[in-house]
Amino acid sequence: MSKEEVTKNVWVTTHGEQWAVKIAGEEKPLKIFDRKDDALEFAKERAKKEKTELISQKRDGKINLKNSYGHDDPYKKG
C-alpha cells in the first residue's frame, strides 16, 4: 500500500456534552451530534466509504468499539 492509499481512522469521541466524529490527526471535527448513536451511524458510513477503521470512545476516554471496513489482510485471522 502506498502512502497515498493510507487512510486515517474515523473516531467517535466526546465534545463537551456532545459527541464528535473526527478523522485521526485532524483538530476540527467532521460533525457534532447530541446522541452517540447518531455519531456512530455517521462514522460507520464514513469509515465504510474511506475503507478505514472506526474507533469509538466512552465518556471516560476508554475505547469501547473498533471495527475495520477495509484494507484487512485476508490471510490474518481475526
N, C-alpha and C. Protein backbone atom coordinates (compact mmCIF):
# COMPACT_ATOMS: atom_id res chain seq x y z
N MET A 1 0.85 -1.18 0.00
CA MET A 1 0.00 0.00 0.00
C MET A 1 0.89 1.24 0.00
N SER A 2 0.64 2.16 -0.91
CA SER A 2 1.44 3.38 -0.98
C SER A 2 0.97 4.40 0.05
N LYS A 3 1.78 5.43 0.26
CA LYS A 3 1.41 6.47 1.23
C LYS A 3 0.09 7.13 0.86
N GLU A 4 -0.17 7.29 -0.43
CA GLU A 4 -1.39 7.93 -0.87
C GLU A 4 -2.62 7.10 -0.53
N GLU A 5 -2.44 5.77 -0.42
CA GLU A 5 -3.56 4.88 -0.14
C GLU A 5 -3.90 4.79 1.34
N VAL A 6 -3.01 5.24 2.20
CA VAL A 6 -3.24 5.15 3.63
C VAL A 6 -4.34 6.13 4.03
N THR A 7 -5.39 5.60 4.65
CA THR A 7 -6.47 6.45 5.12
C THR A 7 -6.39 6.56 6.63
N LYS A 8 -6.98 7.59 7.15
CA LYS A 8 -6.93 7.83 8.58
C LYS A 8 -8.20 7.32 9.23
N ASN A 9 -8.03 6.79 10.44
CA ASN A 9 -9.16 6.23 11.18
C ASN A 9 -10.21 7.28 11.49
N VAL A 10 -11.45 6.82 11.59
CA VAL A 10 -12.58 7.66 11.96
C VAL A 10 -12.87 7.41 13.44
N TRP A 11 -12.91 8.48 14.22
CA TRP A 11 -13.12 8.38 15.66
C TRP A 11 -14.44 8.99 16.08
N VAL A 12 -15.09 8.36 17.06
CA VAL A 12 -16.24 8.95 17.75
C VAL A 12 -15.77 9.22 19.16
N THR A 13 -15.83 10.49 19.56
CA THR A 13 -15.31 10.90 20.85
C THR A 13 -16.19 12.00 21.43
N THR A 14 -15.98 12.31 22.70
CA THR A 14 -16.77 13.35 23.33
C THR A 14 -16.35 14.73 22.82
N HIS A 15 -17.31 15.64 22.87
CA HIS A 15 -17.09 17.04 22.51
C HIS A 15 -17.95 17.84 23.48
N GLY A 16 -17.39 18.08 24.67
CA GLY A 16 -18.19 18.68 25.74
C GLY A 16 -19.24 17.68 26.16
N GLU A 17 -20.51 18.08 26.12
CA GLU A 17 -21.61 17.18 26.44
C GLU A 17 -22.13 16.46 25.20
N GLN A 18 -21.53 16.72 24.05
CA GLN A 18 -21.97 16.12 22.79
C GLN A 18 -20.96 15.09 22.33
N TRP A 19 -21.19 14.56 21.13
CA TRP A 19 -20.32 13.56 20.51
C TRP A 19 -19.81 14.09 19.18
N ALA A 20 -18.54 13.88 18.93
CA ALA A 20 -17.92 14.35 17.69
C ALA A 20 -17.40 13.18 16.87
N VAL A 21 -17.48 13.33 15.56
CA VAL A 21 -16.85 12.40 14.63
C VAL A 21 -15.64 13.14 14.07
N LYS A 22 -14.47 12.53 14.26
CA LYS A 22 -13.22 13.14 13.82
C LYS A 22 -12.42 12.17 12.96
N ILE A 23 -11.54 12.73 12.16
CA ILE A 23 -10.56 11.95 11.41
C ILE A 23 -9.25 12.04 12.19
N ALA A 24 -8.60 10.90 12.39
CA ALA A 24 -7.35 10.87 13.16
C ALA A 24 -6.35 11.89 12.63
N GLY A 25 -5.77 12.65 13.54
CA GLY A 25 -4.75 13.62 13.18
C GLY A 25 -5.29 15.00 12.84
N GLU A 26 -6.60 15.15 12.75
CA GLU A 26 -7.20 16.44 12.42
C GLU A 26 -7.84 17.04 13.67
N GLU A 27 -7.69 18.33 13.83
CA GLU A 27 -8.23 19.03 15.01
C GLU A 27 -9.74 19.21 14.95
N LYS A 28 -10.23 19.66 13.81
CA LYS A 28 -11.64 20.02 13.67
C LYS A 28 -12.50 18.78 13.43
N PRO A 29 -13.58 18.63 14.19
CA PRO A 29 -14.49 17.50 13.96
C PRO A 29 -15.19 17.61 12.60
N LEU A 30 -15.52 16.45 12.03
CA LEU A 30 -16.31 16.44 10.80
C LEU A 30 -17.74 16.88 11.09
N LYS A 31 -18.27 16.40 12.22
CA LYS A 31 -19.64 16.69 12.58
C LYS A 31 -19.85 16.46 14.07
N ILE A 32 -20.76 17.22 14.67
CA ILE A 32 -21.09 17.12 16.09
C ILE A 32 -22.53 16.61 16.22
N PHE A 33 -22.74 15.73 17.20
CA PHE A 33 -24.06 15.14 17.43
C PHE A 33 -24.45 15.24 18.89
N ASP A 34 -25.75 15.28 19.16
CA ASP A 34 -26.24 15.25 20.53
C ASP A 34 -26.26 13.82 21.08
N ARG A 35 -26.49 12.85 20.18
CA ARG A 35 -26.58 11.45 20.61
C ARG A 35 -25.42 10.63 20.03
N LYS A 36 -24.86 9.76 20.86
CA LYS A 36 -23.75 8.92 20.41
C LYS A 36 -24.18 7.99 19.29
N ASP A 37 -25.39 7.45 19.36
CA ASP A 37 -25.88 6.55 18.30
C ASP A 37 -25.86 7.23 16.93
N ASP A 38 -26.24 8.49 16.90
CA ASP A 38 -26.22 9.24 15.63
C ASP A 38 -24.79 9.43 15.13
N ALA A 39 -23.88 9.72 16.06
CA ALA A 39 -22.47 9.89 15.70
C ALA A 39 -21.90 8.58 15.17
N LEU A 40 -22.23 7.47 15.81
CA LEU A 40 -21.74 6.16 15.36
C LEU A 40 -22.26 5.80 13.97
N GLU A 41 -23.51 6.10 13.70
CA GLU A 41 -24.09 5.82 12.39
C GLU A 41 -23.37 6.61 11.29
N PHE A 42 -23.15 7.89 11.54
CA PHE A 42 -22.44 8.74 10.59
C PHE A 42 -21.00 8.25 10.40
N ALA A 43 -20.33 7.94 11.52
CA ALA A 43 -18.93 7.50 11.48
C ALA A 43 -18.79 6.16 10.75
N LYS A 44 -19.74 5.28 10.94
CA LYS A 44 -19.70 3.97 10.27
C LYS A 44 -19.76 4.15 8.76
N GLU A 45 -20.67 4.99 8.29
CA GLU A 45 -20.78 5.23 6.86
C GLU A 45 -19.51 5.87 6.30
N ARG A 46 -18.93 6.79 7.05
CA ARG A 46 -17.68 7.44 6.62
C ARG A 46 -16.53 6.44 6.56
N ALA A 47 -16.43 5.57 7.58
CA ALA A 47 -15.38 4.56 7.61
C ALA A 47 -15.53 3.57 6.44
N LYS A 48 -16.75 3.20 6.14
CA LYS A 48 -17.00 2.31 5.00
C LYS A 48 -16.58 2.98 3.70
N LYS A 49 -16.96 4.24 3.55
CA LYS A 49 -16.63 4.99 2.33
C LYS A 49 -15.12 5.13 2.16
N GLU A 50 -14.43 5.39 3.25
CA GLU A 50 -12.97 5.59 3.21
C GLU A 50 -12.19 4.28 3.32
N LYS A 51 -12.91 3.17 3.59
CA LYS A 51 -12.28 1.86 3.77
C LYS A 51 -11.21 1.92 4.85
N THR A 52 -11.62 2.36 6.02
CA THR A 52 -10.70 2.52 7.14
C THR A 52 -11.32 1.95 8.41
N GLU A 53 -10.77 2.28 9.55
CA GLU A 53 -11.23 1.75 10.82
C GLU A 53 -12.07 2.77 11.57
N LEU A 54 -13.11 2.28 12.22
CA LEU A 54 -13.95 3.10 13.09
C LEU A 54 -13.57 2.77 14.53
N ILE A 55 -13.27 3.80 15.31
CA ILE A 55 -12.91 3.65 16.72
C ILE A 55 -13.82 4.57 17.53
N SER A 56 -14.42 4.01 18.57
CA SER A 56 -15.32 4.80 19.42
C SER A 56 -14.83 4.76 20.86
N GLN A 57 -14.99 5.90 21.54
CA GLN A 57 -14.60 6.01 22.94
C GLN A 57 -15.83 6.23 23.82
N LYS A 58 -15.71 5.81 25.08
CA LYS A 58 -16.72 6.11 26.07
C LYS A 58 -16.45 7.51 26.61
N ARG A 59 -17.33 8.01 27.45
CA ARG A 59 -17.14 9.34 28.04
C ARG A 59 -15.85 9.46 28.83
N ASP A 60 -15.38 8.34 29.39
CA ASP A 60 -14.14 8.38 30.18
C ASP A 60 -12.89 8.28 29.31
N GLY A 61 -13.07 8.20 27.98
CA GLY A 61 -11.94 8.17 27.06
C GLY A 61 -11.47 6.78 26.67
N LYS A 62 -11.97 5.75 27.34
CA LYS A 62 -11.57 4.39 27.01
C LYS A 62 -12.25 3.94 25.72
N ILE A 63 -11.50 3.21 24.90
CA ILE A 63 -12.03 2.69 23.64
C ILE A 63 -13.00 1.56 23.94
N ASN A 64 -14.19 1.62 23.36
CA ASN A 64 -15.17 0.57 23.57
C ASN A 64 -15.63 -0.09 22.28
N LEU A 65 -15.11 0.36 21.14
CA LEU A 65 -15.50 -0.23 19.86
C LEU A 65 -14.41 0.01 18.83
N LYS A 66 -14.10 -1.06 18.07
CA LYS A 66 -13.18 -0.96 16.94
C LYS A 66 -13.73 -1.85 15.83
N ASN A 67 -13.97 -1.26 14.68
CA ASN A 67 -14.43 -2.02 13.52
C ASN A 67 -13.63 -1.59 12.30
N SER A 68 -13.18 -2.56 11.53
CA SER A 68 -12.42 -2.27 10.33
C SER A 68 -13.32 -2.44 9.11
N TYR A 69 -13.23 -1.48 8.20
CA TYR A 69 -14.05 -1.51 7.00
C TYR A 69 -13.22 -1.51 5.72
N GLY A 70 -12.01 -2.06 5.80
CA GLY A 70 -11.22 -2.16 4.59
C GLY A 70 -9.76 -2.38 4.87
N HIS A 71 -9.02 -2.75 3.84
CA HIS A 71 -7.58 -2.97 3.91
C HIS A 71 -7.21 -4.06 4.91
N ASP A 72 -8.10 -5.01 5.13
CA ASP A 72 -7.79 -6.13 6.01
C ASP A 72 -6.92 -7.13 5.28
N ASP A 73 -6.02 -7.75 6.01
CA ASP A 73 -5.19 -8.80 5.46
C ASP A 73 -6.03 -10.08 5.36
N PRO A 74 -6.29 -10.59 4.16
CA PRO A 74 -7.16 -11.75 4.02
C PRO A 74 -6.57 -13.02 4.61
N TYR A 75 -5.26 -13.03 4.91
CA TYR A 75 -4.59 -14.22 5.43
C TYR A 75 -4.45 -14.18 6.96
N LYS A 76 -4.85 -13.09 7.57
CA LYS A 76 -4.72 -12.95 9.02
C LYS A 76 -6.07 -13.24 9.68
N LYS A 77 -6.04 -14.11 10.69
CA LYS A 77 -7.27 -14.43 11.41
C LYS A 77 -7.63 -13.27 12.31
N GLY A 78 -8.95 -13.10 12.54
CA GLY A 78 -9.38 -12.07 13.48
C GLY A 78 -10.53 -11.29 13.08
